[in-house]
Amino acid sequence: MAKDEILKKLVKVNSFDVTGFNEDTVNIDGNSDFKKQIQYTLDITFVDSNKVIQKKKGVVMFTPDGTTIINSKITDQ
């Protein structure tokens, strides 16, 4: 699910690949409905529409049971 979520955020990419993966349980303070969330961090590479190889990090947050995605983002490494 995490890989599909990150791939949906990318537009016109080729050669998408996950090169690293990490799973953590994160304690969330504040107004979150879920105090503990599961965070998947994926190191990804892909070729963008300009034929340039990109290396990014995708972060996907899940509910504590791991069945529902709360949010996701792509950042520079």
N, C-alpha and C. Protein backbone atom coordinates (compact mmCIF):
# COMPACT_ATOMS: atom_id res chain seq x y z
N MET A 1 0.82 -1.20 0.00
CA MET A 1 0.00 0.00 0.00
C MET A 1 0.86 1.26 0.00
N ALA A 2 1.95 1.25 0.76
CA ALA A 2 2.81 2.44 0.84
C ALA A 2 3.44 2.74 -0.52
N LYS A 3 3.92 1.72 -1.20
CA LYS A 3 4.52 1.92 -2.52
C LYS A 3 3.50 2.48 -3.51
N ASP A 4 2.30 1.94 -3.51
CA ASP A 4 1.25 2.43 -4.40
C ASP A 4 0.87 3.88 -4.09
N GLU A 5 0.83 4.23 -2.80
CA GLU A 5 0.49 5.59 -2.39
C GLU A 5 1.53 6.59 -2.91
N ILE A 6 2.80 6.25 -2.78
CA ILE A 6 3.86 7.15 -3.26
C ILE A 6 3.83 7.23 -4.78
N LEU A 7 3.65 6.12 -5.44
CA LEU A 7 3.61 6.11 -6.90
C LEU A 7 2.47 6.97 -7.44
N LYS A 8 1.32 7.00 -6.73
CA LYS A 8 0.19 7.85 -7.15
C LYS A 8 0.55 9.33 -7.11
N LYS A 9 1.45 9.72 -6.23
CA LYS A 9 1.83 11.13 -6.10
C LYS A 9 2.79 11.59 -7.19
N LEU A 10 3.41 10.66 -7.87
CA LEU A 10 4.37 11.00 -8.92
C LEU A 10 3.67 11.05 -10.26
N VAL A 11 4.05 12.01 -11.09
CA VAL A 11 3.42 12.17 -12.40
C VAL A 11 4.45 11.92 -13.49
N LYS A 12 4.08 11.12 -14.47
CA LYS A 12 4.92 10.86 -15.64
C LYS A 12 6.32 10.39 -15.28
N VAL A 13 6.39 9.28 -14.53
CA VAL A 13 7.69 8.73 -14.15
C VAL A 13 7.88 7.37 -14.81
N ASN A 14 9.15 7.02 -14.97
CA ASN A 14 9.54 5.71 -15.49
C ASN A 14 10.54 5.10 -14.52
N SER A 15 10.70 3.81 -14.60
CA SER A 15 11.70 3.08 -13.83
C SER A 15 11.60 3.34 -12.33
N PHE A 16 10.40 3.34 -11.80
CA PHE A 16 10.19 3.54 -10.37
C PHE A 16 10.70 2.32 -9.61
N ASP A 17 11.50 2.57 -8.55
CA ASP A 17 12.04 1.47 -7.76
C ASP A 17 12.19 1.89 -6.31
N VAL A 18 11.88 0.99 -5.39
CA VAL A 18 12.11 1.20 -3.97
C VAL A 18 13.48 0.62 -3.65
N THR A 19 14.39 1.46 -3.17
CA THR A 19 15.77 1.03 -2.90
C THR A 19 16.04 0.82 -1.41
N GLY A 20 15.13 1.28 -0.56
CA GLY A 20 15.28 1.10 0.88
C GLY A 20 13.93 1.23 1.55
N PHE A 21 13.81 0.62 2.74
CA PHE A 21 12.53 0.60 3.43
C PHE A 21 12.77 0.59 4.94
N ASN A 22 11.96 1.35 5.68
CA ASN A 22 12.06 1.37 7.13
C ASN A 22 10.66 1.51 7.71
N GLU A 23 10.38 0.80 8.81
CA GLU A 23 9.09 0.89 9.49
C GLU A 23 9.33 1.30 10.94
N ASP A 24 8.58 2.30 11.40
CA ASP A 24 8.69 2.78 12.78
C ASP A 24 7.31 3.02 13.36
N THR A 25 7.21 2.92 14.67
CA THR A 25 6.02 3.37 15.37
C THR A 25 6.33 4.75 15.92
N VAL A 26 5.46 5.71 15.63
CA VAL A 26 5.71 7.10 15.99
C VAL A 26 4.63 7.55 16.98
N ASN A 27 5.05 8.15 18.08
CA ASN A 27 4.11 8.76 19.03
C ASN A 27 3.80 10.17 18.57
N ILE A 28 2.53 10.49 18.44
CA ILE A 28 2.08 11.79 17.94
C ILE A 28 1.46 12.59 19.10
N ASP A 29 1.98 13.77 19.34
CA ASP A 29 1.40 14.67 20.34
C ASP A 29 0.44 15.62 19.66
N GLY A 30 -0.46 16.20 20.42
CA GLY A 30 -1.34 17.22 19.86
C GLY A 30 -2.73 16.71 19.56
N ASN A 31 -3.31 17.20 18.47
CA ASN A 31 -4.72 16.95 18.16
C ASN A 31 -4.97 15.77 17.24
N SER A 32 -4.04 14.85 17.16
CA SER A 32 -4.21 13.70 16.28
C SER A 32 -5.22 12.72 16.88
N ASP A 33 -6.02 12.09 16.02
CA ASP A 33 -6.95 11.05 16.48
C ASP A 33 -6.21 9.79 16.90
N PHE A 34 -5.03 9.59 16.36
CA PHE A 34 -4.24 8.40 16.67
C PHE A 34 -2.95 8.83 17.34
N LYS A 35 -2.75 8.46 18.60
CA LYS A 35 -1.56 8.86 19.34
C LYS A 35 -0.32 8.10 18.88
N LYS A 36 -0.51 6.86 18.41
CA LYS A 36 0.60 6.09 17.85
C LYS A 36 0.25 5.78 16.40
N GLN A 37 1.19 6.04 15.52
CA GLN A 37 1.00 5.77 14.11
C GLN A 37 2.17 4.95 13.60
N ILE A 38 1.94 4.21 12.53
CA ILE A 38 3.00 3.45 11.89
C ILE A 38 3.52 4.28 10.73
N GLN A 39 4.83 4.49 10.69
CA GLN A 39 5.45 5.28 9.63
C GLN A 39 6.31 4.37 8.76
N TYR A 40 6.00 4.34 7.47
CA TYR A 40 6.83 3.63 6.50
C TYR A 40 7.63 4.68 5.74
N THR A 41 8.93 4.50 5.68
CA THR A 41 9.80 5.39 4.94
C THR A 41 10.43 4.59 3.81
N LEU A 42 10.23 5.04 2.59
CA LEU A 42 10.74 4.36 1.41
C LEU A 42 11.76 5.25 0.71
N ASP A 43 12.95 4.72 0.47
CA ASP A 43 13.91 5.38 -0.40
C ASP A 43 13.55 4.97 -1.83
N ILE A 44 13.33 5.94 -2.70
CA ILE A 44 12.87 5.63 -4.04
C ILE A 44 13.76 6.31 -5.08
N THR A 45 13.83 5.67 -6.24
CA THR A 45 14.47 6.28 -7.41
C THR A 45 13.50 6.14 -8.58
N PHE A 46 13.56 7.11 -9.47
CA PHE A 46 12.73 7.06 -10.67
C PHE A 46 13.32 8.00 -11.70
N VAL A 47 12.87 7.85 -12.93
CA VAL A 47 13.27 8.73 -14.02
C VAL A 47 12.09 9.66 -14.28
N ASP A 48 12.33 10.98 -14.15
CA ASP A 48 11.23 11.93 -14.33
C ASP A 48 10.95 12.18 -15.82
N SER A 49 10.01 13.06 -16.09
CA SER A 49 9.59 13.32 -17.47
C SER A 49 10.69 13.96 -18.31
N ASN A 50 11.71 14.53 -17.66
CA ASN A 50 12.85 15.10 -18.38
C ASN A 50 13.99 14.11 -18.54
N LYS A 51 13.72 12.85 -18.23
CA LYS A 51 14.70 11.76 -18.34
C LYS A 51 15.87 11.93 -17.36
N VAL A 52 15.58 12.53 -16.19
CA VAL A 52 16.59 12.73 -15.15
C VAL A 52 16.30 11.77 -14.00
N ILE A 53 17.33 11.08 -13.53
CA ILE A 53 17.16 10.17 -12.39
C ILE A 53 16.98 10.99 -11.12
N GLN A 54 15.94 10.68 -10.39
CA GLN A 54 15.62 11.36 -9.13
C GLN A 54 15.73 10.36 -7.98
N LYS A 55 16.29 10.81 -6.87
CA LYS A 55 16.34 10.01 -5.64
C LYS A 55 15.59 10.78 -4.57
N LYS A 56 14.53 10.19 -4.07
CA LYS A 56 13.67 10.86 -3.09
C LYS A 56 13.36 9.91 -1.94
N LYS A 57 12.64 10.45 -0.96
CA LYS A 57 12.18 9.67 0.18
C LYS A 57 10.67 9.83 0.25
N GLY A 58 9.96 8.73 0.34
CA GLY A 58 8.51 8.75 0.52
C GLY A 58 8.18 8.33 1.94
N VAL A 59 7.31 9.11 2.58
CA VAL A 59 6.90 8.81 3.95
C VAL A 59 5.39 8.62 3.96
N VAL A 60 4.95 7.48 4.47
CA VAL A 60 3.53 7.16 4.52
C VAL A 60 3.17 6.84 5.97
N MET A 61 2.15 7.53 6.49
CA MET A 61 1.69 7.31 7.86
C MET A 61 0.41 6.48 7.83
N PHE A 62 0.39 5.43 8.67
CA PHE A 62 -0.75 4.52 8.76
C PHE A 62 -1.38 4.59 10.15
N THR A 63 -2.64 4.18 10.23
CA THR A 63 -3.30 4.01 11.53
C THR A 63 -2.57 2.91 12.31
N PRO A 64 -2.77 2.84 13.63
CA PRO A 64 -2.05 1.84 14.43
C PRO A 64 -2.24 0.39 13.98
N ASP A 65 -3.38 0.09 13.36
CA ASP A 65 -3.59 -1.28 12.89
C ASP A 65 -2.98 -1.54 11.52
N GLY A 66 -2.44 -0.50 10.88
CA GLY A 66 -1.75 -0.65 9.61
C GLY A 66 -2.64 -0.83 8.40
N THR A 67 -3.94 -0.58 8.53
CA THR A 67 -4.85 -0.84 7.42
C THR A 67 -5.28 0.41 6.65
N THR A 68 -5.09 1.60 7.24
CA THR A 68 -5.57 2.83 6.62
C THR A 68 -4.44 3.86 6.57
N ILE A 69 -4.30 4.50 5.42
CA ILE A 69 -3.30 5.55 5.26
C ILE A 69 -3.87 6.86 5.81
N ILE A 70 -3.09 7.52 6.68
CA ILE A 70 -3.49 8.80 7.25
C ILE A 70 -3.00 9.94 6.34
N ASN A 71 -1.72 9.90 5.95
CA ASN A 71 -1.18 10.89 5.02
C ASN A 71 0.12 10.36 4.43
N SER A 72 0.61 11.08 3.43
CA SER A 72 1.86 10.69 2.78
C SER A 72 2.51 11.91 2.17
N LYS A 73 3.83 11.81 1.98
CA LYS A 73 4.55 12.91 1.34
C LYS A 73 5.83 12.37 0.71
N ILE A 74 6.37 13.15 -0.21
CA ILE A 74 7.64 12.84 -0.86
C ILE A 74 8.59 13.99 -0.54
N THR A 75 9.79 13.66 -0.08
CA THR A 75 10.78 14.68 0.26
C THR A 75 12.09 14.36 -0.41
N ASP A 76 12.98 15.36 -0.42
CA ASP A 76 14.33 15.11 -0.87
C ASP A 76 15.04 14.25 0.16
N GLN A 77 16.04 13.51 -0.28
CA GLN A 77 16.75 12.64 0.67
C GLN A 77 17.62 13.37 1.56
